[in-house]
C-alpha atoms as a PDB file:
ATOM      1  CA  UNK A   1     -14.089  25.142  23.440  1.00  0.00           C
ATOM      2  CA  UNK A   2     -14.470  21.431  24.148  1.00  0.00           C
ATOM      3  CA  UNK A   3     -11.623  19.083  23.469  1.00  0.00           C
ATOM      4  CA  UNK A   4     -12.051  16.916  20.367  1.00  0.00           C
ATOM      5  CA  UNK A   5     -11.364  13.200  20.805  1.00  0.00           C
ATOM      6  CA  UNK A   6     -12.745   9.845  19.790  1.00  0.00           C
ATOM      7  CA  UNK A   7     -15.204   9.790  22.668  1.00  0.00           C
ATOM      8  CA  UNK A   8     -16.349  13.363  22.070  1.00  0.00           C
ATOM      9  CA  UNK A   9     -17.044  12.716  18.409  1.00  0.00           C
ATOM     10  CA  UNK A  10     -20.587  11.521  17.872  1.00  0.00           C
ATOM     11  CA  UNK A  11     -20.990   8.237  15.988  1.00  0.00           C
ATOM     12  CA  UNK A  12     -22.487  10.108  13.045  1.00  0.00           C
ATOM     13  CA  UNK A  13     -19.537  12.485  12.745  1.00  0.00           C
ATOM     14  CA  UNK A  14     -16.922   9.777  13.277  1.00  0.00           C
ATOM     15  CA  UNK A  15     -18.410   7.450  10.675  1.00  0.00           C
ATOM     16  CA  UNK A  16     -18.485  10.302   8.163  1.00  0.00           C
ATOM     17  CA  UNK A  17     -14.734  10.746   8.614  1.00  0.00           C
ATOM     18  CA  UNK A  18     -14.122   6.980   8.439  1.00  0.00           C
ATOM     19  CA  UNK A  19     -16.209   6.839   5.267  1.00  0.00           C
ATOM     20  CA  UNK A  20     -13.941   9.465   3.701  1.00  0.00           C
ATOM     21  CA  UNK A  21     -10.891   7.451   4.743  1.00  0.00           C
ATOM     22  CA  UNK A  22     -12.339   4.298   3.169  1.00  0.00           C
ATOM     23  CA  UNK A  23     -13.442   6.105   0.025  1.00  0.00           C
ATOM     24  CA  UNK A  24      -9.836   7.093  -0.606  1.00  0.00           C
ATOM     25  CA  UNK A  25      -8.428   3.711   0.507  1.00  0.00           C
ATOM     26  CA  UNK A  26     -10.593   1.226  -1.408  1.00  0.00           C
ATOM     27  CA  UNK A  27      -9.654   2.281  -4.992  1.00  0.00           C
ATOM     28  CA  UNK A  28      -5.994   1.652  -4.166  1.00  0.00           C
ATOM     29  CA  UNK A  29      -6.621  -1.920  -3.009  1.00  0.00           C
ATOM     30  CA  UNK A  30      -6.776  -3.452  -6.489  1.00  0.00           C
ATOM     31  CA  UNK A  31      -4.964  -6.651  -5.415  1.00  0.00           C
ATOM     32  CA  UNK A  32      -7.479  -7.161  -2.597  1.00  0.00           C
ATOM     33  CA  UNK A  33     -10.427  -6.884  -4.985  1.00  0.00           C
ATOM     34  CA  UNK A  34     -10.220 -10.588  -5.858  1.00  0.00           C
ATOM     35  CA  UNK A  35      -9.251 -12.034  -2.460  1.00  0.00           C
ATOM     36  CA  UNK A  36     -11.473 -14.468  -0.582  1.00  0.00           C
ATOM     37  CA  UNK A  37     -12.422 -12.909   2.787  1.00  0.00           C
ATOM     38  CA  UNK A  38     -11.952 -15.015   5.914  1.00  0.00           C
ATOM     39  CA  UNK A  39     -14.979 -15.960   7.992  1.00  0.00           C
ATOM     40  CA  UNK A  40     -15.332 -15.237  11.676  1.00  0.00           C
ATOM     41  CA  UNK A  41     -16.299 -18.475  13.428  1.00  0.00           C
ATOM     42  CA  UNK A  42     -18.197 -19.009  16.681  1.00  0.00           C
ATOM     43  CA  UNK A  43     -14.828 -19.691  18.302  1.00  0.00           C
ATOM     44  CA  UNK A  44     -13.766 -16.127  17.445  1.00  0.00           C
ATOM     45  CA  UNK A  45     -11.154 -17.329  14.934  1.00  0.00           C
ATOM     46  CA  UNK A  46     -10.784 -16.183  11.352  1.00  0.00           C
ATOM     47  CA  UNK A  47     -10.624 -19.059   8.907  1.00  0.00           C
ATOM     48  CA  UNK A  48     -10.787 -19.972   5.246  1.00  0.00           C
ATOM     49  CA  UNK A  49     -12.031 -23.362   4.076  1.00  0.00           C
ATOM     50  CA  UNK A  50     -10.571 -25.114   1.034  1.00  0.00           C
ATOM     51  CA  UNK A  51     -12.710 -27.791  -0.615  1.00  0.00           C
ATOM     52  CA  UNK A  52     -11.009 -30.466  -2.663  1.00  0.00           C
ATOM     53  CA  UNK A  53     -12.266 -31.648  -6.053  1.00  0.00           C
ATOM     54  CA  UNK A  54     -14.464 -34.722  -6.546  1.00  0.00           C
ATOM     55  CA  UNK A  55     -13.210 -37.711  -8.596  1.00  0.00           C
ATOM     56  CA  UNK A  56     -14.532 -38.330 -12.101  1.00  0.00           C
ATOM     57  CA  UNK A  57     -17.260 -40.935 -12.631  1.00  0.00           C
ATOM     58  CA  UNK A  58     -16.198 -43.503 -15.246  1.00  0.00           C
ATOM     59  CA  UNK A  59     -18.838 -46.228 -14.765  1.00  0.00           C
ATOM     60  CA  UNK A  60     -22.431 -46.001 -15.978  1.00  0.00           C
ATOM     61  CA  UNK A  61     -25.376 -46.645 -13.654  1.00  0.00           C
ATOM     62  CA  UNK A  62     -26.887 -50.130 -13.455  1.00  0.00           C
ATOM     63  CA  UNK A  63     -30.645 -50.181 -13.834  1.00  0.00           C
ATOM     64  CA  UNK A  64     -32.383 -50.675 -10.484  1.00  0.00           C
ATOM     65  CA  UNK A  65     -29.103 -50.579  -8.519  1.00  0.00           C
ATOM     66  CA  UNK A  66     -28.114 -47.731  -6.212  1.00  0.00           C
ATOM     67  CA  UNK A  67     -24.447 -46.913  -6.751  1.00  0.00           C
ATOM     68  CA  UNK A  68     -21.955 -46.684  -3.896  1.00  0.00           C
ATOM     69  CA  UNK A  69     -21.819 -43.343  -2.158  1.00  0.00           C
ATOM     70  CA  UNK A  70     -19.161 -41.003  -3.479  1.00  0.00           C
ATOM     71  CA  UNK A  71     -16.545 -39.878  -0.995  1.00  0.00           C
ATOM     72  CA  UNK A  72     -17.161 -36.388   0.378  1.00  0.00           C
ATOM     73  CA  UNK A  73     -14.787 -33.654  -0.799  1.00  0.00           C
ATOM     74  CA  UNK A  74     -11.774 -33.138   1.413  1.00  0.00           C
ATOM     75  CA  UNK A  75     -11.936 -29.934   3.457  1.00  0.00           C
ATOM     76  CA  UNK A  76      -8.855 -28.180   4.773  1.00  0.00           C
ATOM     77  CA  UNK A  77      -9.019 -25.181   7.084  1.00  0.00           C
ATOM     78  CA  UNK A  78      -6.588 -22.271   7.009  1.00  0.00           C
ATOM     79  CA  UNK A  79      -6.555 -19.985  10.048  1.00  0.00           C
ATOM     80  CA  UNK A  80      -5.534 -16.347   9.791  1.00  0.00           C
ATOM     81  CA  UNK A  81      -4.225 -14.172  12.618  1.00  0.00           C
ATOM     82  CA  UNK A  82      -4.476 -10.485  11.679  1.00  0.00           C
ATOM     83  CA  UNK A  83      -1.887  -8.078  13.042  1.00  0.00           C
ATOM     84  CA  UNK A  84      -2.459  -4.399  13.806  1.00  0.00           C
ATOM     85  CA  UNK A  85      -1.202  -1.686  11.456  1.00  0.00           C
ATOM     86  CA  UNK A  86      -1.565   2.064  11.639  1.00  0.00           C
ATOM     87  CA  UNK A  87      -0.086   5.532  11.256  1.00  0.00           C
ATOM     88  CA  UNK A  88      -0.823   9.090  12.337  1.00  0.00           C
ATOM     89  CA  UNK A  89       0.013  12.699  11.561  1.00  0.00           C
ATOM     90  CA  UNK A  90       0.397  15.536  14.048  1.00  0.00           C
ATOM     91  CA  UNK A  91      -1.017  19.039  13.908  1.00  0.00           C
ATOM     92  CA  UNK A  92      -0.501  22.153  15.978  1.00  0.00           C
ATOM     93  CA  UNK A  93      -3.456  24.373  15.105  1.00  0.00           C
ATOM     94  CA  UNK A  94      -6.668  23.975  17.039  1.00  0.00           C
ATOM     95  CA  UNK A  95      -9.171  21.740  15.271  1.00  0.00           C
ATOM     96  CA  UNK A  96     -12.565  23.378  15.350  1.00  0.00           C
ATOM     97  CA  UNK A  97     -15.439  21.282  16.621  1.00  0.00           C
ATOM     98  CA  UNK A  98     -17.748  20.993  13.634  1.00  0.00           C
ATOM     99  CA  UNK A  99     -19.304  18.039  11.785  1.00  0.00           C
ATOM    100  CA  UNK A 100     -17.299  18.444   8.581  1.00  0.00           C
ATOM    101  CA  UNK A 101     -14.113  20.039   9.877  1.00  0.00           C
ATOM    102  CA  UNK A 102     -11.754  20.523   6.904  1.00  0.00           C
ATOM    103  CA  UNK A 103      -8.642  19.473   8.837  1.00  0.00           C
ATOM    104  CA  UNK A 104     -10.027  16.094   9.923  1.00  0.00           C
ATOM    105  CA  UNK A 105     -11.856  15.553   6.658  1.00  0.00           C
ATOM    106  CA  UNK A 106      -8.892  16.230   4.371  1.00  0.00           C
ATOM    107  CA  UNK A 107      -6.384  14.456   6.594  1.00  0.00           C
ATOM    108  CA  UNK A 108      -8.556  11.358   6.907  1.00  0.00           C
ATOM    109  CA  UNK A 109      -8.715  11.193   3.106  1.00  0.00           C
ATOM    110  CA  UNK A 110      -4.928  11.384   2.812  1.00  0.00           C
ATOM    111  CA  UNK A 111      -4.537   8.730   5.513  1.00  0.00           C
ATOM    112  CA  UNK A 112      -7.000   6.582   3.588  1.00  0.00           C
ATOM    113  CA  UNK A 113      -4.725   6.694   0.550  1.00  0.00           C
ATOM    114  CA  UNK A 114      -1.826   5.660   2.760  1.00  0.00           C
ATOM    115  CA  UNK A 115      -3.756   2.762   4.320  1.00  0.00           C
ATOM    116  CA  UNK A 116      -5.039   1.516   0.973  1.00  0.00           C
ATOM    117  CA  UNK A 117      -1.616   1.594  -0.671  1.00  0.00           C
ATOM    118  CA  UNK A 118       0.014  -0.035   2.374  1.00  0.00           C
ATOM    119  CA  UNK A 119      -2.365  -3.005   2.464  1.00  0.00           C
ATOM    120  CA  UNK A 120      -2.354  -3.339  -1.307  1.00  0.00           C
ATOM    121  CA  UNK A 121       1.447  -3.590  -1.217  1.00  0.00           C
ATOM    122  CA  UNK A 122       1.392  -6.208   1.536  1.00  0.00           C
ATOM    123  CA  UNK A 123      -1.071  -8.313  -0.456  1.00  0.00           C
ATOM    124  CA  UNK A 124       0.776  -7.783  -3.732  1.00  0.00           C
ATOM    125  CA  UNK A 125       4.011  -9.019  -2.178  1.00  0.00           C
ATOM    126  CA  UNK A 126       2.299 -12.128  -0.774  1.00  0.00           C
ATOM    127  CA  UNK A 127       0.680 -12.957  -4.109  1.00  0.00           C
ATOM    128  CA  UNK A 128       3.813 -12.476  -6.221  1.00  0.00           C
ATOM    129  CA  UNK A 129       5.915 -14.484  -3.748  1.00  0.00           C
ATOM    130  CA  UNK A 130       3.454 -17.387  -3.623  1.00  0.00           C
ATOM    131  CA  UNK A 131       2.262 -17.535  -7.246  1.00  0.00           C
ATOM    132  CA  UNK A 132       3.288 -19.996  -9.936  1.00  0.00           C
ATOM    133  CA  UNK A 133       6.068 -18.250 -11.836  1.00  0.00           C
ATOM    134  CA  UNK A 134       6.314 -17.847 -15.593  1.00  0.00           C
ATOM    135  CA  UNK A 135       8.666 -15.694 -17.641  1.00  0.00           C
ATOM    136  CA  UNK A 136       8.287 -13.762 -20.866  1.00  0.00           C
ATOM    137  CA  UNK A 137      10.302 -14.614 -23.966  1.00  0.00           C
ATOM    138  CA  UNK A 138      12.967 -17.263 -23.509  1.00  0.00           C
ATOM    139  CA  UNK A 139      13.847 -16.479 -19.891  1.00  0.00           C
ATOM    140  CA  UNK A 140      13.640 -19.244 -17.304  1.00  0.00           C
ATOM    141  CA  UNK A 141      14.336 -17.069 -14.272  1.00  0.00           C
ATOM    142  CA  UNK A 142      14.215 -13.404 -13.316  1.00  0.00           C
ATOM    143  CA  UNK A 143      17.955 -12.783 -13.630  1.00  0.00           C
ATOM    144  CA  UNK A 144      17.799 -13.758 -17.324  1.00  0.00           C
ATOM    145  CA  UNK A 145      15.099 -11.250 -18.285  1.00  0.00           C
ATOM    146  CA  UNK A 146      16.308  -8.528 -20.641  1.00  0.00           C
ATOM    147  CA  UNK A 147      14.619  -5.797 -22.662  1.00  0.00           C
ATOM    148  CA  UNK A 148      15.591  -7.334 -26.003  1.00  0.00           C
ATOM    149  CA  UNK A 149      14.360 -10.923 -25.813  1.00  0.00           C
ATOM    150  CA  UNK A 150      11.934 -11.073 -22.896  1.00  0.00           C
ATOM    151  CA  UNK A 151       9.375  -8.342 -23.398  1.00  0.00           C
ATOM    152  CA  UNK A 152       5.664  -8.882 -22.763  1.00  0.00           C
ATOM    153  CA  UNK A 153       3.840 -10.196 -25.825  1.00  0.00           C
ATOM    154  CA  UNK A 154       0.617 -11.801 -26.980  1.00  0.00           C
ATOM    155  CA  UNK A 155       2.312 -15.216 -26.973  1.00  0.00           C
ATOM    156  CA  UNK A 156       3.351 -14.878 -23.313  1.00  0.00           C
ATOM    157  CA  UNK A 157      -0.093 -13.601 -22.334  1.00  0.00           C
ATOM    158  CA  UNK A 158      -1.770 -16.506 -24.118  1.00  0.00           C
ATOM    159  CA  UNK A 159       0.571 -18.973 -22.408  1.00  0.00           C
ATOM    160  CA  UNK A 160      -0.354 -17.707 -18.943  1.00  0.00           C
ATOM    161  CA  UNK A 161      -4.073 -17.989 -19.715  1.00  0.00           C
ATOM    162  CA  UNK A 162      -3.552 -21.517 -21.039  1.00  0.00           C
ATOM    163  CA  UNK A 163      -1.735 -22.458 -17.841  1.00  0.00           C
ATOM    164  CA  UNK A 164      -4.641 -21.245 -15.693  1.00  0.00           C
ATOM    165  CA  UNK A 165      -7.067 -23.202 -17.843  1.00  0.00           C
ATOM    166  CA  UNK A 166      -4.873 -26.314 -17.651  1.00  0.00           C
ATOM    167  CA  UNK A 167      -4.822 -26.009 -13.855  1.00  0.00           C
ATOM    168  CA  UNK A 168      -8.657 -25.891 -13.847  1.00  0.00           C
ATOM    169  CA  UNK A 169      -8.735 -22.426 -12.295  1.00  0.00           C
ATOM    170  CA  UNK A 170     -12.104 -20.699 -12.064  1.00  0.00           C
ATOM    171  CA  UNK A 171     -12.654 -17.056 -13.092  1.00  0.00           C
ATOM    172  CA  UNK A 172     -12.435 -14.537 -10.236  1.00  0.00           C
ATOM    173  CA  UNK A 173     -13.968 -11.485 -11.929  1.00  0.00           C
ATOM    174  CA  UNK A 174     -17.411 -12.691 -12.914  1.00  0.00           C
ATOM    175  CA  UNK A 175     -16.747 -15.018 -15.836  1.00  0.00           C
ATOM    176  CA  UNK A 176     -13.307 -13.487 -16.471  1.00  0.00           C
ATOM    177  CA  UNK A 177      -9.800 -13.952 -15.092  1.00  0.00           C
ATOM    178  CA  UNK A 178      -8.494 -10.634 -13.718  1.00  0.00           C
ATOM    179  CA  UNK A 179      -5.011  -9.679 -14.911  1.00  0.00           C
ATOM    180  CA  UNK A 180      -3.159  -6.989 -12.940  1.00  0.00           C
ATOM    181  CA  UNK A 181      -0.247  -5.233 -14.611  1.00  0.00           C
ATOM    182  CA  UNK A 182       1.777  -2.017 -14.589  1.00  0.00           C
ATOM    183  CA  UNK A 183       1.130   0.843 -17.033  1.00  0.00           C
ATOM    184  CA  UNK A 184       4.446   0.060 -18.754  1.00  0.00           C
ATOM    185  CA  UNK A 185       3.552  -3.623 -19.175  1.00  0.00           C
ATOM    186  CA  UNK A 186       0.200  -2.620 -20.679  1.00  0.00           C
ATOM    187  CA  UNK A 187       1.954  -0.208 -23.019  1.00  0.00           C
ATOM    188  CA  UNK A 188       4.310  -2.979 -24.151  1.00  0.00           C
ATOM    189  CA  UNK A 189       1.395  -5.306 -24.912  1.00  0.00           C
ATOM    190  CA  UNK A 190      -0.281  -2.565 -26.925  1.00  0.00           C
ATOM    191  CA  UNK A 191       2.750  -2.590 -29.249  1.00  0.00           C
ATOM    192  CA  UNK A 192       2.026  -6.222 -30.107  1.00  0.00           C
ATOM    193  CA  UNK A 193      -0.126  -6.116 -33.247  1.00  0.00           C
ATOM    194  CA  UNK A 194      -1.918  -9.405 -32.516  1.00  0.00           C
ATOM    195  CA  UNK A 195      -2.727  -8.389 -28.955  1.00  0.00           C
ATOM    196  CA  UNK A 196      -3.927  -4.891 -29.804  1.00  0.00           C
ATOM    197  CA  UNK A 197      -6.140  -6.175 -32.649  1.00  0.00           C
ATOM    198  CA  UNK A 198      -7.910  -8.687 -30.409  1.00  0.00           C
ATOM    199  CA  UNK A 199      -7.969  -6.330 -27.421  1.00  0.00           C
ATOM    200  CA  UNK A 200      -9.650  -3.460 -29.231  1.00  0.00           C
ATOM    201  CA  UNK A 201     -12.099  -5.886 -30.812  1.00  0.00           C
ATOM    202  CA  UNK A 202     -13.090  -7.533 -27.507  1.00  0.00           C
ATOM    203  CA  UNK A 203     -12.525  -4.759 -25.001  1.00  0.00           C
ATOM    204  CA  UNK A 204     -14.099  -1.657 -26.452  1.00  0.00           C
ATOM    205  CA  UNK A 205     -16.022  -0.776 -23.289  1.00  0.00           C
ATOM    206  CA  UNK A 206     -15.322   2.360 -21.285  1.00  0.00           C
ATOM    207  CA  UNK A 207     -12.556   2.328 -18.710  1.00  0.00           C
ATOM    208  CA  UNK A 208     -14.124   1.946 -15.288  1.00  0.00           C
ATOM    209  CA  UNK A 209     -12.486   1.156 -11.939  1.00  0.00           C
ATOM    210  CA  UNK A 210      -9.068   0.804 -13.595  1.00  0.00           C
ATOM    211  CA  UNK A 211     -10.432  -1.918 -15.866  1.00  0.00           C
ATOM    212  CA  UNK A 212      -8.916  -1.304 -19.286  1.00  0.00           C
ATOM    213  CA  UNK A 213     -10.834  -3.907 -21.270  1.00  0.00           C
ATOM    214  CA  UNK A 214     -11.141  -7.634 -21.909  1.00  0.00           C
ATOM    215  CA  UNK A 215      -9.307 -10.220 -24.010  1.00  0.00           C
ATOM    216  CA  UNK A 216      -9.095 -14.041 -24.027  1.00  0.00           C
ATOM    217  CA  UNK A 217     -11.566 -14.357 -21.118  1.00  0.00           C
ATOM    218  CA  UNK A 218      -9.423 -11.919 -19.101  1.00  0.00           C
ATOM    219  CA  UNK A 219     -10.196  -8.497 -17.658  1.00  0.00           C
ATOM    220  CA  UNK A 220      -7.230  -6.112 -17.716  1.00  0.00           C
ATOM    221  CA  UNK A 221      -6.491  -3.940 -14.659  1.00  0.00           C
ATOM    222  CA  UNK A 222      -3.642  -1.424 -14.689  1.00  0.00           C
ATOM    223  CA  UNK A 223      -2.064  -0.102 -11.502  1.00  0.00           C
ATOM    224  CA  UNK A 224       1.042   1.888 -10.639  1.00  0.00           C
ATOM    225  CA  UNK A 225       1.468  -0.439  -7.653  1.00  0.00           C
ATOM    226  CA  UNK A 226       2.264  -3.522  -9.757  1.00  0.00           C
ATOM    227  CA  UNK A 227       5.431  -5.155  -8.448  1.00  0.00           C
ATOM    228  CA  UNK A 228       8.756  -4.035  -9.915  1.00  0.00           C
ATOM    229  CA  UNK A 229      12.018  -5.933  -9.364  1.00  0.00           C
ATOM    230  CA  UNK A 230      14.512  -3.107  -9.651  1.00  0.00           C
ATOM    231  CA  UNK A 231      17.861  -4.130 -11.213  1.00  0.00           C
ATOM    232  CA  UNK A 232      17.052  -7.840 -10.754  1.00  0.00           C
ATOM    233  CA  UNK A 233      17.018  -8.678 -14.472  1.00  0.00           C
ATOM    234  CA  UNK A 234      19.902  -9.027 -16.901  1.00  0.00           C
ATOM    235  CA  UNK A 235      21.949  -5.863 -17.550  1.00  0.00           C
ATOM    236  CA  UNK A 236      20.172  -4.002 -14.705  1.00  0.00           C
ATOM    237  CA  UNK A 237      16.762  -4.617 -16.277  1.00  0.00           C
ATOM    238  CA  UNK A 238      13.719  -3.936 -14.056  1.00  0.00           C
ATOM    239  CA  UNK A 239      11.306  -6.875 -14.553  1.00  0.00           C
ATOM    240  CA  UNK A 240       7.676  -6.331 -13.546  1.00  0.00           C
ATOM    241  CA  UNK A 241       4.906  -8.697 -12.515  1.00  0.00           C
ATOM    242  CA  UNK A 242       1.766  -9.449 -14.503  1.00  0.00           C
ATOM    243  CA  UNK A 243      -0.676 -11.390 -12.313  1.00  0.00           C
ATOM    244  CA  UNK A 244      -3.299 -13.781 -13.726  1.00  0.00           C
ATOM    245  CA  UNK A 245      -5.747 -14.611 -10.932  1.00  0.00           C
ATOM    246  CA  UNK A 246      -8.143 -17.503 -10.420  1.00  0.00           C
ATOM    247  CA  UNK A 247     -10.997 -17.631  -7.917  1.00  0.00           C
ATOM    248  CA  UNK A 248     -10.226 -18.501  -4.266  1.00  0.00           C
ATOM    249  CA  UNK A 249      -6.500 -18.556  -4.955  1.00  0.00           C
ATOM    250  CA  UNK A 250      -5.673 -16.319  -1.994  1.00  0.00           C
ATOM    251  CA  UNK A 251      -7.446 -15.065   1.109  1.00  0.00           C
ATOM    252  CA  UNK A 252      -7.453 -12.103   3.426  1.00  0.00           C
ATOM    253  CA  UNK A 253      -8.618 -11.075   6.878  1.00  0.00           C
ATOM    254  CA  UNK A 254      -8.916  -7.565   8.247  1.00  0.00           C
ATOM    255  CA  UNK A 255      -9.423  -4.251   6.500  1.00  0.00           C
ATOM    256  CA  UNK A 256      -9.148  -5.566   2.950  1.00  0.00           C
ATOM    257  CA  UNK A 257     -11.391  -8.548   3.656  1.00  0.00           C
ATOM    258  CA  UNK A 258     -14.433  -6.719   2.348  1.00  0.00           C
ATOM    259  CA  UNK A 259     -15.971  -6.004  -0.994  1.00  0.00           C
ATOM    260  CA  UNK A 260     -15.556  -2.414  -2.165  1.00  0.00           C
ATOM    261  CA  UNK A 261     -19.212  -2.207  -3.184  1.00  0.00           C
ATOM    262  CA  UNK A 262     -20.249  -3.164   0.352  1.00  0.00           C
ATOM    263  CA  UNK A 263     -18.822   0.014   1.862  1.00  0.00           C
ATOM    264  CA  UNK A 264     -21.974   1.856   2.823  1.00  0.00           C
ATOM    265  CA  UNK A 265     -22.299   5.399   1.626  1.00  0.00           C
ATOM    266  CA  UNK A 266     -23.299   6.630   5.079  1.00  0.00           C
ATOM    267  CA  UNK A 267     -19.968   5.548   6.554  1.00  0.00           C
ATOM    268  CA  UNK A 268     -21.614   3.126   8.965  1.00  0.00           C
ATOM    269  CA  UNK A 269     -20.860  -0.528   9.585  1.00  0.00           C
ATOM    270  CA  UNK A 270     -19.376  -2.351   6.626  1.00  0.00           C
ATOM    271  CA  UNK A 271     -20.613  -5.735   5.485  1.00  0.00           C
ATOM    272  CA  UNK A 272     -18.623  -8.733   4.335  1.00  0.00           C
ATOM    273  CA  UNK A 273     -19.529 -11.964   2.613  1.00  0.00           C
ATOM    274  CA  UNK A 274     -20.473 -13.637   5.907  1.00  0.00           C
ATOM    275  CA  UNK A 275     -23.338 -11.208   6.462  1.00  0.00           C
ATOM    276  CA  UNK A 276     -21.670 -10.045   9.684  1.00  0.00           C
ATOM    277  CA  UNK A 277     -20.915  -6.422  10.479  1.00  0.00           C
ATOM    278  CA  UNK A 278     -17.289  -5.429  10.845  1.00  0.00           C
ATOM    279  CA  UNK A 279     -15.430  -2.195  11.359  1.00  0.00           C
ATOM    280  CA  UNK A 280     -12.508  -2.504   8.924  1.00  0.00           C
ATOM    281  CA  UNK A 281     -10.617   0.549  10.178  1.00  0.00           C
ATOM    282  CA  UNK A 282     -10.654   2.970  13.089  1.00  0.00           C
ATOM    283  CA  UNK A 283     -10.045   6.699  12.782  1.00  0.00           C
ATOM    284  CA  UNK A 284      -8.418   8.042  15.948  1.00  0.00           C
ATOM    285  CA  UNK A 285      -8.388  11.767  16.702  1.00  0.00           C
ATOM    286  CA  UNK A 286      -6.475  13.261  19.627  1.00  0.00           C
ATOM    287  CA  UNK A 287      -7.060  16.935  20.311  1.00  0.00           C
ATOM    288  CA  UNK A 288      -4.419  19.361  21.528  1.00  0.00           C
ATOM    289  CA  UNK A 289      -3.083  18.274  24.910  1.00  0.00           C
ATOM    290  CA  UNK A 290      -4.333  14.690  24.647  1.00  0.00           C
ATOM    291  CA  UNK A 291      -1.219  13.127  23.122  1.00  0.00           C
ATOM    292  CA  UNK A 292       0.816  12.855  26.340  1.00  0.00           C
ATOM    293  CA  UNK A 293       3.086  15.401  27.965  1.00  0.00           C
ATOM    294  CA  UNK A 294       1.802  18.614  26.413  1.00  0.00           C
ATOM    295  CA  UNK A 295       1.467  21.218  29.193  1.00  0.00           C
ATOM    296  CA  UNK A 296       0.554  24.045  26.796  1.00  0.00           C
ATOM    297  CA  UNK A 297      -1.899  22.017  24.675  1.00  0.00           C
ATOM    298  CA  UNK A 298       0.148  22.517  21.516  1.00  0.00           C
ATOM    299  CA  UNK A 299      -0.035  19.135  19.778  1.00  0.00           C
ATOM    300  CA  UNK A 300      -2.744  16.860  18.451  1.00  0.00           C
ATOM    301  CA  UNK A 301      -2.860  13.835  16.129  1.00  0.00           C
ATOM    302  CA  UNK A 302      -5.106  12.194  13.561  1.00  0.00           C
ATOM    303  CA  UNK A 303      -4.471   8.540  12.737  1.00  0.00           C
ATOM    304  CA  UNK A 304      -5.846   5.213  11.538  1.00  0.00           C
ATOM    305  CA  UNK A 305      -5.539   1.675  12.843  1.00  0.00           C
ATOM    306  CA  UNK A 306      -6.646  -1.577  11.213  1.00  0.00           C
ATOM    307  CA  UNK A 307      -5.939  -5.314  11.229  1.00  0.00           C
ATOM    308  CA  UNK A 308      -4.615  -7.376   8.331  1.00  0.00           C
ATOM    309  CA  UNK A 309      -3.414 -10.838   7.321  1.00  0.00           C
ATOM    310  CA  UNK A 310      -3.319 -12.755   4.037  1.00  0.00           C
ATOM    311  CA  UNK A 311      -2.558 -16.246   2.748  1.00  0.00           C
ATOM    312  CA  UNK A 312      -2.078 -18.158  -0.510  1.00  0.00           C
ATOM    313  CA  UNK A 313      -4.788 -20.810  -0.905  1.00  0.00           C
ATOM    314  CA  UNK A 314      -3.970 -22.309  -4.297  1.00  0.00           C
ATOM    315  CA  UNK A 315      -0.628 -21.512  -5.910  1.00  0.00           C
ATOM    316  CA  UNK A 316      -1.621 -23.165  -9.189  1.00  0.00           C
ATOM    317  CA  UNK A 317      -4.481 -20.694  -9.651  1.00  0.00           C
ATOM    318  CA  UNK A 318      -2.228 -17.611  -9.660  1.00  0.00           C
ATOM    319  CA  UNK A 319       0.221 -17.120 -12.521  1.00  0.00           C
ATOM    320  CA  UNK A 320       2.865 -14.418 -12.144  1.00  0.00           C
ATOM    321  CA  UNK A 321       4.282 -13.628 -15.585  1.00  0.00           C
ATOM    322  CA  UNK A 322       7.504 -11.670 -15.154  1.00  0.00           C
ATOM    323  CA  UNK A 323       8.752  -9.735 -18.133  1.00  0.00           C
ATOM    324  CA  UNK A 324      10.416  -6.605 -19.443  1.00  0.00           C
ATOM    325  CA  UNK A 325       9.364  -3.482 -21.312  1.00  0.00           C
ATOM    326  CA  UNK A 326      11.197  -0.906 -23.354  1.00  0.00           C
ATOM    327  CA  UNK A 327       9.550   2.090 -21.733  1.00  0.00           C
ATOM    328  CA  UNK A 328      11.410   4.359 -19.329  1.00  0.00           C
END
């Protein structure tokens, strides 16, 4: 039987496996859903451009007189340098050469979950570290948060939304601000009578793509990968993060720099907002005897490799509300 490797796999077969990997990876990348993807320039660099605001106009026009030209908006360029990430698993049984081999197919799906969760965690940590901080209740820093006085509430939620609006942030989820929180934080909010009354009135739509509903021009997303600060609150409390996100507040390059709905169903090339074709991840299969010193052809591997980098673009347009909950 022929050895199975990345060169032996036809493009059709390989892209089917990569599509399965991506299908399992993309749903886990909730934090990447609202990132601005970097653009590949003609100089083969990945960059993000930040455009400054224009000044207000306070003087009326004079009839028959052309006003002075307004200064152009300031443009700053942020360059990203993606690093390589990857992992693999080994197997000892011979992988049969067939288009939808169960070993490769199932393993690529599991690796996809690993890749998605890994990149989502990297992005989550960047966002929470670089966001504008706010605290529930009367706390002014994380170490003061306790489960008695600093639980998530409608008042704290409303304050975070007001701060985004004050900072002139633009919605990142259509005409809504996405809010990413843990299941426990969501449960705590649902105990607030004011919040739950407004939430059920505004957000009665079905739960789709982890979107729980809408309230106060915000779309609620719940994920088990929300950041938890174990034992960093008062009395060993575990504060969690609740992220309020404005448009173009952070950027990404690499695997997560693509829109989930642009992953083609045929597993082929994957588009991004630049209209260019990119391969966000590579599936690498080594058949028995191809992994190095293996004189009896006993070991093979299946792995993934992808590039990634991220950056905060506007700290004022991300609010990280840290708070407590009473749930175990």
